[in-house]
Amino acid sequence: MLRYILARLITFVPTFVGVTLISFAFIRVLPGDPIIVMAGERGMTQERYDELVQRFGFDQPLYLQFWDYLTGVVQGDLGRSFITNRPVWDEFFTLFPATLELSICAIIFATLIGLPAGVIAAVYRGKFFDRALMSTALVGYSMPIFWWALLLIIVFSGNLGWTPVSGRMSLMYFFDDVTGFMLIDSLLSGQAGAFTSAVQHLILPTIVLGTIPLAVIARQTRSAMLEVLSEDYIRTARAKGLRPARVNGLHALRNAMIPVVTVIGLSVGTLLAGAILTETIFSWPGIGKWMVDSIFRRDYPVVQGGLLLIALMVMIVNLTVDLLYGLINPKIRKR
């Protein structure tokens, strides 16, 4: 097991360098001059333009720019934003709690509904519950996020007025940003109604972001359960007269959890990296919206640093999932 962990850690190095190269090249193939976008066309003289080009190092060859950037990354310096002049580290970790809070709520929502749905569909294979649940999962997986988000906003925010349209908190409440997690900070504030407002603002983004992972978890759980339910030891457990709930919930589900945990782990990484549309539509002040705004503004350090940090977190999540295998199935620890 230790050898396996070390081997996975070693693969971090080429992956890290590859992501750095991709993020560096990605922003530079986009049309648009970052100097013009940053300073504006009005009042931009040639002398001022040349000064800014030299200040930000754009007059150097690309390979030297990449080497300088890679050297800074190794030293822990991701650069400063062209727009705000703040370190990329500070901006990222200021906004990351909002994305993390939304992602955690989305994966909890997806797991609490997707896991039981997959088990029920497997137990009632070929019957009404199976067809209904898997058809619903297929619809949920196929729906475009932007369409699903706008539909929920129209119905629940526009017509029914049950949920807010955007943001993380009503403007009626003001309190210190202690942890960055609105649910926790609203509770710590002690203001009546603040926590309820935070929950209401989370409902629609959570449903939108968690719908696709929910469908994937449900389908993967059903597939894994069907494979396990056909094993000999499951038939033996049934022959011994064990209750169906014990057979399905303990013996079958535990052995079916390895591929399900893989899907859940990958979904967490996907949510952290793919909340861009959801955050943009709901004006959620997280790293997804921050990255979109930075791309439009050609803010090279922010886009490069943001992509690198997101990729690093996805790699950490994948490694954590691998380690969880040993907790679920003790046989893997011996490998």
C-alpha atoms as a PDB file:
ATOM      1  CA  MET A   1       0.000   0.000   0.000  1.00  0.00           C
ATOM      2  CA  LEU A   2       2.854   2.384   0.881  1.00  0.00           C
ATOM      3  CA  ARG A   3       4.570   1.668  -2.419  1.00  0.00           C
ATOM      4  CA  TYR A   4       1.329   2.412  -4.236  1.00  0.00           C
ATOM      5  CA  ILE A   5       0.942   5.748  -2.429  1.00  0.00           C
ATOM      6  CA  LEU A   6       4.528   6.757  -3.248  1.00  0.00           C
ATOM      7  CA  ALA A   7       4.038   5.823  -6.898  1.00  0.00           C
ATOM      8  CA  ARG A   8       0.955   8.015  -7.093  1.00  0.00           C
ATOM      9  CA  LEU A   9       2.787  10.907  -5.445  1.00  0.00           C
ATOM     10  CA  ILE A  10       5.610  10.643  -7.988  1.00  0.00           C
ATOM     11  CA  THR A  11       3.122  11.018 -10.846  1.00  0.00           C
ATOM     12  CA  PHE A  12       2.191  14.415  -9.404  1.00  0.00           C
ATOM     13  CA  VAL A  13       5.401  15.951 -10.774  1.00  0.00           C
ATOM     14  CA  PRO A  14       4.876  15.440 -14.554  1.00  0.00           C
ATOM     15  CA  THR A  15       1.168  16.123 -14.159  1.00  0.00           C
ATOM     16  CA  PHE A  16       1.920  19.366 -12.338  1.00  0.00           C
ATOM     17  CA  VAL A  17       4.378  20.508 -15.017  1.00  0.00           C
ATOM     18  CA  GLY A  18       1.948  19.519 -17.781  1.00  0.00           C
ATOM     19  CA  VAL A  19      -0.903  21.502 -16.237  1.00  0.00           C
ATOM     20  CA  THR A  20       1.419  24.481 -15.844  1.00  0.00           C
ATOM     21  CA  LEU A  21       2.320  24.332 -19.540  1.00  0.00           C
ATOM     22  CA  ILE A  22      -1.300  23.929 -20.646  1.00  0.00           C
ATOM     23  CA  SER A  23      -2.517  26.818 -18.498  1.00  0.00           C
ATOM     24  CA  PHE A  24       0.330  29.009 -19.786  1.00  0.00           C
ATOM     25  CA  ALA A  25      -0.486  28.207 -23.429  1.00  0.00           C
ATOM     26  CA  PHE A  26      -4.281  28.321 -23.037  1.00  0.00           C
ATOM     27  CA  ILE A  27      -4.618  31.975 -22.138  1.00  0.00           C
ATOM     28  CA  ARG A  28      -2.123  33.055 -24.810  1.00  0.00           C
ATOM     29  CA  VAL A  29      -3.981  31.468 -27.717  1.00  0.00           C
ATOM     30  CA  LEU A  30      -7.080  33.528 -26.935  1.00  0.00           C
ATOM     31  CA  PRO A  31      -7.581  36.598 -29.118  1.00  0.00           C
ATOM     32  CA  GLY A  32      -7.086  39.972 -27.534  1.00  0.00           C
ATOM     33  CA  ASP A  33      -4.217  42.011 -26.177  1.00  0.00           C
ATOM     34  CA  PRO A  34      -4.050  41.961 -22.362  1.00  0.00           C
ATOM     35  CA  ILE A  35      -2.391  45.386 -22.309  1.00  0.00           C
ATOM     36  CA  ILE A  36      -5.248  46.971 -24.284  1.00  0.00           C
ATOM     37  CA  VAL A  37      -7.875  45.146 -22.204  1.00  0.00           C
ATOM     38  CA  MET A  38      -6.220  46.237 -18.974  1.00  0.00           C
ATOM     39  CA  ALA A  39      -5.406  49.863 -19.785  1.00  0.00           C
ATOM     40  CA  GLY A  40      -8.080  50.613 -22.394  1.00  0.00           C
ATOM     41  CA  GLU A  41      -7.684  51.970 -25.878  1.00  0.00           C
ATOM     42  CA  ARG A  42      -8.391  55.598 -24.991  1.00  0.00           C
ATOM     43  CA  GLY A  43      -5.310  57.565 -24.094  1.00  0.00           C
ATOM     44  CA  MET A  44      -3.015  54.645 -24.855  1.00  0.00           C
ATOM     45  CA  THR A  45       0.137  56.020 -26.421  1.00  0.00           C
ATOM     46  CA  GLN A  46       2.806  53.890 -28.032  1.00  0.00           C
ATOM     47  CA  GLU A  47       5.272  54.861 -25.320  1.00  0.00           C
ATOM     48  CA  ARG A  48       2.843  53.813 -22.581  1.00  0.00           C
ATOM     49  CA  TYR A  49       2.077  50.576 -24.411  1.00  0.00           C
ATOM     50  CA  ASP A  50       5.787  49.707 -24.778  1.00  0.00           C
ATOM     51  CA  GLU A  51       6.351  50.498 -21.096  1.00  0.00           C
ATOM     52  CA  LEU A  52       3.592  48.095 -19.989  1.00  0.00           C
ATOM     53  CA  VAL A  53       4.786  45.382 -22.354  1.00  0.00           C
ATOM     54  CA  GLN A  54       8.263  45.588 -20.859  1.00  0.00           C
ATOM     55  CA  ARG A  55       6.956  45.754 -17.280  1.00  0.00           C
ATOM     56  CA  PHE A  56       4.949  42.531 -17.618  1.00  0.00           C
ATOM     57  CA  GLY A  57       7.648  40.735 -19.594  1.00  0.00           C
ATOM     58  CA  PHE A  58       5.670  40.320 -22.817  1.00  0.00           C
ATOM     59  CA  ASP A  59       8.675  41.466 -24.841  1.00  0.00           C
ATOM     60  CA  GLN A  60      10.549  38.261 -23.958  1.00  0.00           C
ATOM     61  CA  PRO A  61      10.316  35.006 -25.973  1.00  0.00           C
ATOM     62  CA  LEU A  62       7.553  32.644 -24.887  1.00  0.00           C
ATOM     63  CA  TYR A  63       9.944  30.012 -23.583  1.00  0.00           C
ATOM     64  CA  LEU A  64      11.568  32.571 -21.284  1.00  0.00           C
ATOM     65  CA  GLN A  65       8.152  33.751 -20.096  1.00  0.00           C
ATOM     66  CA  PHE A  66       7.195  30.150 -19.326  1.00  0.00           C
ATOM     67  CA  TRP A  67      10.478  29.492 -17.534  1.00  0.00           C
ATOM     68  CA  ASP A  68      10.032  32.588 -15.374  1.00  0.00           C
ATOM     69  CA  TYR A  69       6.461  31.543 -14.597  1.00  0.00           C
ATOM     70  CA  LEU A  70       7.471  27.948 -13.750  1.00  0.00           C
ATOM     71  CA  THR A  71      10.306  29.196 -11.533  1.00  0.00           C
ATOM     72  CA  GLY A  72       7.866  31.416  -9.678  1.00  0.00           C
ATOM     73  CA  VAL A  73       5.380  28.558  -9.241  1.00  0.00           C
ATOM     74  CA  VAL A  74       8.074  26.294  -7.770  1.00  0.00           C
ATOM     75  CA  GLN A  75       8.912  29.063  -5.309  1.00  0.00           C
ATOM     76  CA  GLY A  76       5.228  29.450  -4.408  1.00  0.00           C
ATOM     77  CA  ASP A  77       4.697  32.705  -6.312  1.00  0.00           C
ATOM     78  CA  LEU A  78       1.762  32.597  -8.730  1.00  0.00           C
ATOM     79  CA  GLY A  79       2.097  36.271  -9.603  1.00  0.00           C
ATOM     80  CA  ARG A  80      -0.221  39.237  -9.171  1.00  0.00           C
ATOM     81  CA  SER A  81      -3.449  40.063 -10.919  1.00  0.00           C
ATOM     82  CA  PHE A  82      -3.099  42.591 -13.730  1.00  0.00           C
ATOM     83  CA  ILE A  83      -6.397  44.180 -12.701  1.00  0.00           C
ATOM     84  CA  THR A  84      -6.368  44.276  -8.882  1.00  0.00           C
ATOM     85  CA  ASN A  85      -2.592  43.950  -8.308  1.00  0.00           C
ATOM     86  CA  ARG A  86      -3.351  41.443  -5.546  1.00  0.00           C
ATOM     87  CA  PRO A  87      -1.442  38.136  -5.274  1.00  0.00           C
ATOM     88  CA  VAL A  88      -3.250  35.291  -7.028  1.00  0.00           C
ATOM     89  CA  TRP A  89      -2.951  33.223  -3.849  1.00  0.00           C
ATOM     90  CA  ASP A  90      -4.910  35.811  -1.857  1.00  0.00           C
ATOM     91  CA  GLU A  91      -7.666  36.167  -4.437  1.00  0.00           C
ATOM     92  CA  PHE A  92      -8.045  32.417  -4.862  1.00  0.00           C
ATOM     93  CA  PHE A  93      -8.320  31.570  -1.180  1.00  0.00           C
ATOM     94  CA  THR A  94     -10.615  34.535  -0.554  1.00  0.00           C
ATOM     95  CA  LEU A  95     -13.121  33.188  -3.091  1.00  0.00           C
ATOM     96  CA  PHE A  96     -12.486  29.450  -2.698  1.00  0.00           C
ATOM     97  CA  PRO A  97     -14.665  28.970   0.433  1.00  0.00           C
ATOM     98  CA  ALA A  98     -17.731  30.015  -1.585  1.00  0.00           C
ATOM     99  CA  THR A  99     -17.020  27.390  -4.251  1.00  0.00           C
ATOM    100  CA  LEU A 100     -16.113  24.762  -1.670  1.00  0.00           C
ATOM    101  CA  GLU A 101     -19.318  25.367   0.290  1.00  0.00           C
ATOM    102  CA  LEU A 102     -21.414  25.055  -2.859  1.00  0.00           C
ATOM    103  CA  SER A 103     -19.537  21.933  -4.001  1.00  0.00           C
ATOM    104  CA  ILE A 104     -19.892  20.213  -0.621  1.00  0.00           C
ATOM    105  CA  CYS A 105     -23.630  20.890  -0.543  1.00  0.00           C
ATOM    106  CA  ALA A 106     -23.964  19.661  -4.137  1.00  0.00           C
ATOM    107  CA  ILE A 107     -22.097  16.383  -3.545  1.00  0.00           C
ATOM    108  CA  ILE A 108     -24.035  15.728  -0.330  1.00  0.00           C
ATOM    109  CA  PHE A 109     -27.293  16.329  -2.205  1.00  0.00           C
ATOM    110  CA  ALA A 110     -26.160  14.068  -5.061  1.00  0.00           C
ATOM    111  CA  THR A 111     -24.976  11.266  -2.757  1.00  0.00           C
ATOM    112  CA  LEU A 112     -27.966  11.261  -0.406  1.00  0.00           C
ATOM    113  CA  ILE A 113     -30.363  10.898  -3.333  1.00  0.00           C
ATOM    114  CA  GLY A 114     -28.247   9.091  -5.945  1.00  0.00           C
ATOM    115  CA  LEU A 115     -26.990   6.269  -3.705  1.00  0.00           C
ATOM    116  CA  PRO A 116     -30.417   5.078  -2.445  1.00  0.00           C
ATOM    117  CA  ALA A 117     -31.872   5.542  -5.931  1.00  0.00           C
ATOM    118  CA  GLY A 118     -29.215   3.261  -7.423  1.00  0.00           C
ATOM    119  CA  VAL A 119     -29.742   0.614  -4.730  1.00  0.00           C
ATOM    120  CA  ILE A 120     -33.519   0.641  -5.197  1.00  0.00           C
ATOM    121  CA  ALA A 121     -33.151   0.425  -8.975  1.00  0.00           C
ATOM    122  CA  ALA A 122     -30.839  -2.586  -8.641  1.00  0.00           C
ATOM    123  CA  VAL A 123     -33.031  -4.397  -6.134  1.00  0.00           C
ATOM    124  CA  TYR A 124     -36.116  -3.858  -8.311  1.00  0.00           C
ATOM    125  CA  ARG A 125     -34.322  -4.517 -11.576  1.00  0.00           C
ATOM    126  CA  GLY A 126     -36.603  -4.380 -14.619  1.00  0.00           C
ATOM    127  CA  LYS A 127     -39.599  -3.191 -12.601  1.00  0.00           C
ATOM    128  CA  PHE A 128     -41.325   0.165 -12.405  1.00  0.00           C
ATOM    129  CA  PHE A 129     -38.959   1.724  -9.844  1.00  0.00           C
ATOM    130  CA  ASP A 130     -35.930   0.734 -11.888  1.00  0.00           C
ATOM    131  CA  ARG A 131     -37.264   2.186 -15.127  1.00  0.00           C
ATOM    132  CA  ALA A 132     -38.573   5.352 -13.478  1.00  0.00           C
ATOM    133  CA  LEU A 133     -35.385   6.105 -11.536  1.00  0.00           C
ATOM    134  CA  MET A 134     -32.982   5.371 -14.385  1.00  0.00           C
ATOM    135  CA  SER A 135     -35.091   7.355 -16.877  1.00  0.00           C
ATOM    136  CA  THR A 136     -35.054  10.307 -14.478  1.00  0.00           C
ATOM    137  CA  ALA A 137     -31.283   9.933 -14.014  1.00  0.00           C
ATOM    138  CA  LEU A 138     -30.781   9.915 -17.780  1.00  0.00           C
ATOM    139  CA  VAL A 139     -32.853  13.090 -18.136  1.00  0.00           C
ATOM    140  CA  GLY A 140     -30.901  14.756 -15.326  1.00  0.00           C
ATOM    141  CA  TYR A 141     -27.578  13.828 -16.899  1.00  0.00           C
ATOM    142  CA  SER A 142     -28.654  15.075 -20.338  1.00  0.00           C
ATOM    143  CA  MET A 143     -29.998  18.485 -19.312  1.00  0.00           C
ATOM    144  CA  PRO A 144     -27.750  21.469 -20.078  1.00  0.00           C
ATOM    145  CA  ILE A 145     -26.791  23.204 -16.845  1.00  0.00           C
ATOM    146  CA  PHE A 146     -27.656  26.695 -18.083  1.00  0.00           C
ATOM    147  CA  TRP A 147     -31.145  25.578 -19.214  1.00  0.00           C
ATOM    148  CA  TRP A 148     -31.827  23.718 -15.967  1.00  0.00           C
ATOM    149  CA  ALA A 149     -30.654  26.695 -13.889  1.00  0.00           C
ATOM    150  CA  LEU A 150     -32.781  29.209 -15.791  1.00  0.00           C
ATOM    151  CA  LEU A 151     -35.809  26.907 -15.574  1.00  0.00           C
ATOM    152  CA  LEU A 152     -35.495  26.605 -11.799  1.00  0.00           C
ATOM    153  CA  ILE A 153     -35.027  30.364 -11.451  1.00  0.00           C
ATOM    154  CA  ILE A 154     -38.157  31.055 -13.509  1.00  0.00           C
ATOM    155  CA  VAL A 155     -40.284  28.567 -11.571  1.00  0.00           C
ATOM    156  CA  PHE A 156     -39.080  28.854  -7.976  1.00  0.00           C
ATOM    157  CA  SER A 157     -37.731  32.410  -7.911  1.00  0.00           C
ATOM    158  CA  GLY A 158     -39.896  34.153 -10.500  1.00  0.00           C
ATOM    159  CA  ASN A 159     -43.287  32.450 -10.327  1.00  0.00           C
ATOM    160  CA  LEU A 160     -43.376  31.020  -6.803  1.00  0.00           C
ATOM    161  CA  GLY A 161     -40.980  33.424  -5.083  1.00  0.00           C
ATOM    162  CA  TRP A 162     -39.613  30.704  -2.805  1.00  0.00           C
ATOM    163  CA  THR A 163     -35.900  31.222  -3.419  1.00  0.00           C
ATOM    164  CA  PRO A 164     -33.615  34.182  -4.239  1.00  0.00           C
ATOM    165  CA  VAL A 165     -32.414  34.646  -7.797  1.00  0.00           C
ATOM    166  CA  SER A 166     -28.707  35.112  -7.116  1.00  0.00           C
ATOM    167  CA  GLY A 167     -26.021  35.830  -4.552  1.00  0.00           C
ATOM    168  CA  ARG A 168     -25.087  34.159  -1.262  1.00  0.00           C
ATOM    169  CA  MET A 169     -26.889  36.303   1.299  1.00  0.00           C
ATOM    170  CA  SER A 170     -29.623  38.904   1.512  1.00  0.00           C
ATOM    171  CA  LEU A 171     -28.468  42.525   1.699  1.00  0.00           C
ATOM    172  CA  MET A 172     -30.450  42.854   4.941  1.00  0.00           C
ATOM    173  CA  TYR A 173     -27.737  41.061   6.920  1.00  0.00           C
ATOM    174  CA  PHE A 174     -24.218  42.232   7.695  1.00  0.00           C
ATOM    175  CA  PHE A 175     -21.681  40.225   9.697  1.00  0.00           C
ATOM    176  CA  ASP A 176     -17.974  39.433   9.765  1.00  0.00           C
ATOM    177  CA  ASP A 177     -16.542  36.939   7.283  1.00  0.00           C
ATOM    178  CA  VAL A 178     -14.931  34.591   9.811  1.00  0.00           C
ATOM    179  CA  THR A 179     -14.619  31.272   7.969  1.00  0.00           C
ATOM    180  CA  GLY A 180     -15.711  32.185   4.437  1.00  0.00           C
ATOM    181  CA  PHE A 181     -18.525  29.619   4.666  1.00  0.00           C
ATOM    182  CA  MET A 182     -21.780  31.527   4.677  1.00  0.00           C
ATOM    183  CA  LEU A 183     -23.717  28.825   6.525  1.00  0.00           C
ATOM    184  CA  ILE A 184     -21.231  28.854   9.407  1.00  0.00           C
ATOM    185  CA  ASP A 185     -20.712  32.623   9.491  1.00  0.00           C
ATOM    186  CA  SER A 186     -24.472  33.265   9.486  1.00  0.00           C
ATOM    187  CA  LEU A 187     -24.849  30.984  12.516  1.00  0.00           C
ATOM    188  CA  LEU A 188     -21.944  32.653  14.319  1.00  0.00           C
ATOM    189  CA  SER A 189     -23.437  36.089  13.669  1.00  0.00           C
ATOM    190  CA  GLY A 190     -26.449  35.344  15.867  1.00  0.00           C
ATOM    191  CA  GLN A 191     -28.698  37.412  13.610  1.00  0.00           C
ATOM    192  CA  ALA A 192     -32.217  36.059  13.326  1.00  0.00           C
ATOM    193  CA  GLY A 193     -32.981  34.945   9.778  1.00  0.00           C
ATOM    194  CA  ALA A 194     -29.378  35.086   8.522  1.00  0.00           C
ATOM    195  CA  PHE A 195     -28.925  31.308   8.440  1.00  0.00           C
ATOM    196  CA  THR A 196     -32.285  30.848   6.737  1.00  0.00           C
ATOM    197  CA  SER A 197     -31.290  33.368   4.082  1.00  0.00           C
ATOM    198  CA  ALA A 198     -27.984  31.540   3.489  1.00  0.00           C
ATOM    199  CA  VAL A 199     -29.820  28.230   3.074  1.00  0.00           C
ATOM    200  CA  GLN A 200     -32.344  29.761   0.682  1.00  0.00           C
ATOM    201  CA  HIS A 201     -29.567  31.161  -1.495  1.00  0.00           C
ATOM    202  CA  LEU A 202     -27.889  27.739  -1.579  1.00  0.00           C
ATOM    203  CA  ILE A 203     -30.910  25.665  -2.640  1.00  0.00           C
ATOM    204  CA  LEU A 204     -31.051  26.327  -6.371  1.00  0.00           C
ATOM    205  CA  PRO A 205     -27.285  26.395  -7.057  1.00  0.00           C
ATOM    206  CA  THR A 206     -26.924  23.151  -5.087  1.00  0.00           C
ATOM    207  CA  ILE A 207     -29.644  21.410  -7.094  1.00  0.00           C
ATOM    208  CA  VAL A 208     -28.253  22.652 -10.415  1.00  0.00           C
ATOM    209  CA  LEU A 209     -24.655  21.733  -9.634  1.00  0.00           C
ATOM    210  CA  GLY A 210     -25.564  18.396  -8.042  1.00  0.00           C
ATOM    211  CA  THR A 211     -27.965  17.108 -10.709  1.00  0.00           C
ATOM    212  CA  ILE A 212     -25.386  15.580 -13.060  1.00  0.00           C
ATOM    213  CA  PRO A 213     -23.329  13.947 -10.254  1.00  0.00           C
ATOM    214  CA  LEU A 214     -26.588  12.612  -8.812  1.00  0.00           C
ATOM    215  CA  ALA A 215     -27.437  10.918 -12.090  1.00  0.00           C
ATOM    216  CA  VAL A 216     -23.930   9.479 -12.450  1.00  0.00           C
ATOM    217  CA  ILE A 217     -23.873   8.171  -8.867  1.00  0.00           C
ATOM    218  CA  ALA A 218     -27.308   6.577  -9.259  1.00  0.00           C
ATOM    219  CA  ARG A 219     -26.391   4.789 -12.475  1.00  0.00           C
ATOM    220  CA  GLN A 220     -22.997   3.662 -11.182  1.00  0.00           C
ATOM    221  CA  THR A 221     -24.537   2.399  -7.921  1.00  0.00           C
ATOM    222  CA  ARG A 222     -27.132   0.400  -9.845  1.00  0.00           C
ATOM    223  CA  SER A 223     -24.488  -1.118 -12.109  1.00  0.00           C
ATOM    224  CA  ALA A 224     -22.190  -2.053  -9.213  1.00  0.00           C
ATOM    225  CA  MET A 225     -25.055  -3.453  -7.145  1.00  0.00           C
ATOM    226  CA  LEU A 226     -26.299  -5.636 -10.011  1.00  0.00           C
ATOM    227  CA  GLU A 227     -22.831  -7.123 -10.388  1.00  0.00           C
ATOM    228  CA  VAL A 228     -22.512  -7.845  -6.665  1.00  0.00           C
ATOM    229  CA  LEU A 229     -26.047  -9.215  -6.281  1.00  0.00           C
ATOM    230  CA  SER A 230     -25.208 -11.977  -8.746  1.00  0.00           C
ATOM    231  CA  GLU A 231     -22.267 -13.247  -6.665  1.00  0.00           C
ATOM    232  CA  ASP A 232     -22.371 -16.608  -4.887  1.00  0.00           C
ATOM    233  CA  TYR A 233     -21.921 -15.193  -1.392  1.00  0.00           C
ATOM    234  CA  ILE A 234     -25.044 -13.059  -1.830  1.00  0.00           C
ATOM    235  CA  ARG A 235     -27.056 -16.154  -2.767  1.00  0.00           C
ATOM    236  CA  THR A 236     -25.553 -17.923   0.253  1.00  0.00           C
ATOM    237  CA  ALA A 237     -26.557 -15.070   2.539  1.00  0.00           C
ATOM    238  CA  ARG A 238     -30.092 -15.226   1.227  1.00  0.00           C
ATOM    239  CA  ALA A 239     -30.181 -19.007   1.647  1.00  0.00           C
ATOM    240  CA  LYS A 240     -29.217 -18.577   5.303  1.00  0.00           C
ATOM    241  CA  GLY A 241     -32.407 -16.586   5.784  1.00  0.00           C
ATOM    242  CA  LEU A 242     -30.834 -13.163   6.340  1.00  0.00           C
ATOM    243  CA  ARG A 243     -33.198 -10.251   5.952  1.00  0.00           C
ATOM    244  CA  PRO A 244     -33.160  -8.602   2.502  1.00  0.00           C
ATOM    245  CA  ALA A 245     -32.284  -5.256   4.067  1.00  0.00           C
ATOM    246  CA  ARG A 246     -29.181  -6.791   5.677  1.00  0.00           C
ATOM    247  CA  VAL A 247     -28.142  -8.605   2.513  1.00  0.00           C
ATOM    248  CA  ASN A 248     -28.610  -5.584   0.250  1.00  0.00           C
ATOM    249  CA  GLY A 249     -27.521  -2.869   2.662  1.00  0.00           C
ATOM    250  CA  LEU A 250     -24.541  -4.553   4.328  1.00  0.00           C
ATOM    251  CA  HIS A 251     -23.105  -7.350   2.223  1.00  0.00           C
ATOM    252  CA  ALA A 252     -23.959  -6.124  -1.269  1.00  0.00           C
ATOM    253  CA  LEU A 253     -23.644  -2.357  -0.875  1.00  0.00           C
ATOM    254  CA  ARG A 254     -20.318  -2.481   0.954  1.00  0.00           C
ATOM    255  CA  ASN A 255     -18.706  -4.501  -1.822  1.00  0.00           C
ATOM    256  CA  ALA A 256     -20.303  -2.309  -4.471  1.00  0.00           C
ATOM    257  CA  MET A 257     -18.989   0.897  -2.930  1.00  0.00           C
ATOM    258  CA  ILE A 258     -15.498   0.917  -4.499  1.00  0.00           C
ATOM    259  CA  PRO A 259     -16.604   2.040  -7.990  1.00  0.00           C
ATOM    260  CA  VAL A 260     -19.200   4.300  -6.374  1.00  0.00           C
ATOM    261  CA  VAL A 261     -16.568   5.983  -4.203  1.00  0.00           C
ATOM    262  CA  THR A 262     -14.483   6.492  -7.338  1.00  0.00           C
ATOM    263  CA  VAL A 263     -17.382   8.254  -9.029  1.00  0.00           C
ATOM    264  CA  ILE A 264     -18.082  10.379  -5.955  1.00  0.00           C
ATOM    265  CA  GLY A 265     -14.424  11.363  -5.669  1.00  0.00           C
ATOM    266  CA  LEU A 266     -14.182  12.290  -9.330  1.00  0.00           C
ATOM    267  CA  SER A 267     -17.447  14.214  -8.992  1.00  0.00           C
ATOM    268  CA  VAL A 268     -15.957  16.286  -6.167  1.00  0.00           C
ATOM    269  CA  GLY A 269     -13.046  17.253  -8.389  1.00  0.00           C
ATOM    270  CA  THR A 270     -15.424  17.984 -11.249  1.00  0.00           C
ATOM    271  CA  LEU A 271     -17.599  20.172  -9.046  1.00  0.00           C
ATOM    272  CA  LEU A 272     -14.620  22.195  -7.836  1.00  0.00           C
ATOM    273  CA  ALA A 273     -13.468  22.717 -11.406  1.00  0.00           C
ATOM    274  CA  GLY A 274     -16.780  22.846 -13.211  1.00  0.00           C
ATOM    275  CA  ALA A 275     -18.910  25.227 -11.173  1.00  0.00           C
ATOM    276  CA  ILE A 276     -18.267  27.950 -13.737  1.00  0.00           C
ATOM    277  CA  LEU A 277     -21.703  27.985 -15.370  1.00  0.00           C
ATOM    278  CA  THR A 278     -23.562  27.621 -12.092  1.00  0.00           C
ATOM    279  CA  GLU A 279     -21.622  30.401 -10.398  1.00  0.00           C
ATOM    280  CA  THR A 280     -21.987  32.679 -13.410  1.00  0.00           C
ATOM    281  CA  ILE A 281     -25.760  32.202 -13.708  1.00  0.00           C
ATOM    282  CA  PHE A 282     -26.415  32.635  -9.980  1.00  0.00           C
ATOM    283  CA  SER A 283     -23.769  35.371  -9.527  1.00  0.00           C
ATOM    284  CA  TRP A 284     -22.113  33.148  -6.945  1.00  0.00           C
ATOM    285  CA  PRO A 285     -18.847  34.832  -5.878  1.00  0.00           C
ATOM    286  CA  GLY A 286     -16.591  31.789  -6.204  1.00  0.00           C
ATOM    287  CA  ILE A 287     -13.566  30.768  -8.223  1.00  0.00           C
ATOM    288  CA  GLY A 288     -15.679  29.723 -11.231  1.00  0.00           C
ATOM    289  CA  LYS A 289     -17.049  33.214 -11.789  1.00  0.00           C
ATOM    290  CA  TRP A 290     -13.636  34.654 -10.912  1.00  0.00           C
ATOM    291  CA  MET A 291     -12.011  32.562 -13.654  1.00  0.00           C
ATOM    292  CA  VAL A 292     -14.617  33.561 -16.252  1.00  0.00           C
ATOM    293  CA  ASP A 293     -14.152  37.249 -15.471  1.00  0.00           C
ATOM    294  CA  SER A 294     -10.359  36.842 -15.618  1.00  0.00           C
ATOM    295  CA  ILE A 295     -10.515  35.160 -19.033  1.00  0.00           C
ATOM    296  CA  PHE A 296     -12.564  38.026 -20.448  1.00  0.00           C
ATOM    297  CA  ARG A 297     -10.099  40.523 -18.971  1.00  0.00           C
ATOM    298  CA  ARG A 298      -7.071  38.533 -20.208  1.00  0.00           C
ATOM    299  CA  ASP A 299      -5.701  38.487 -16.679  1.00  0.00           C
ATOM    300  CA  TYR A 300      -2.876  36.020 -17.383  1.00  0.00           C
ATOM    301  CA  PRO A 301      -1.622  35.411 -13.812  1.00  0.00           C
ATOM    302  CA  VAL A 302      -5.126  34.768 -12.477  1.00  0.00           C
ATOM    303  CA  VAL A 303      -6.091  32.324 -15.235  1.00  0.00           C
ATOM    304  CA  GLN A 304      -2.780  30.459 -15.033  1.00  0.00           C
ATOM    305  CA  GLY A 305      -2.732  30.320 -11.250  1.00  0.00           C
ATOM    306  CA  GLY A 306      -6.420  29.462 -10.960  1.00  0.00           C
ATOM    307  CA  LEU A 307      -6.163  26.559 -13.402  1.00  0.00           C
ATOM    308  CA  LEU A 308      -3.068  25.273 -11.639  1.00  0.00           C
ATOM    309  CA  LEU A 309      -4.632  25.376  -8.174  1.00  0.00           C
ATOM    310  CA  ILE A 310      -7.845  23.731  -9.383  1.00  0.00           C
ATOM    311  CA  ALA A 311      -5.870  20.953 -11.070  1.00  0.00           C
ATOM    312  CA  LEU A 312      -3.823  20.459  -7.900  1.00  0.00           C
ATOM    313  CA  MET A 313      -6.977  20.047  -5.836  1.00  0.00           C
ATOM    314  CA  VAL A 314      -8.419  17.555  -8.327  1.00  0.00           C
ATOM    315  CA  MET A 315      -5.220  15.499  -8.070  1.00  0.00           C
ATOM    316  CA  ILE A 316      -5.415  15.567  -4.270  1.00  0.00           C
ATOM    317  CA  VAL A 317      -9.047  14.421  -4.385  1.00  0.00           C
ATOM    318  CA  ASN A 318      -8.124  11.535  -6.704  1.00  0.00           C
ATOM    319  CA  LEU A 319      -5.327  10.461  -4.368  1.00  0.00           C
ATOM    320  CA  THR A 320      -7.707  10.605  -1.406  1.00  0.00           C
ATOM    321  CA  VAL A 321     -10.168   8.379  -3.259  1.00  0.00           C
ATOM    322  CA  ASP A 322      -7.411   5.834  -3.862  1.00  0.00           C
ATOM    323  CA  LEU A 323      -6.596   5.809  -0.147  1.00  0.00           C
ATOM    324  CA  LEU A 324     -10.260   5.287   0.731  1.00  0.00           C
ATOM    325  CA  TYR A 325     -10.211   2.037  -1.230  1.00  0.00           C
ATOM    326  CA  GLY A 326      -8.142   0.483   1.537  1.00  0.00           C
ATOM    327  CA  LEU A 327     -10.685   1.501   4.153  1.00  0.00           C
ATOM    328  CA  ILE A 328     -13.591   0.053   2.194  1.00  0.00           C
ATOM    329  CA  ASN A 329     -11.902  -3.141   1.030  1.00  0.00           C
ATOM    330  CA  PRO A 330      -9.099  -4.417   3.351  1.00  0.00           C
ATOM    331  CA  LYS A 331      -7.736  -6.660   0.581  1.00  0.00           C
ATOM    332  CA  ILE A 332      -6.382  -3.617  -1.250  1.00  0.00           C
ATOM    333  CA  ARG A 333      -4.153  -2.716   1.696  1.00  0.00           C
ATOM    334  CA  LYS A 334      -2.017  -5.794   1.024  1.00  0.00           C
ATOM    335  CA  ARG A 335      -1.195  -4.777  -2.546  1.00  0.00           C
END
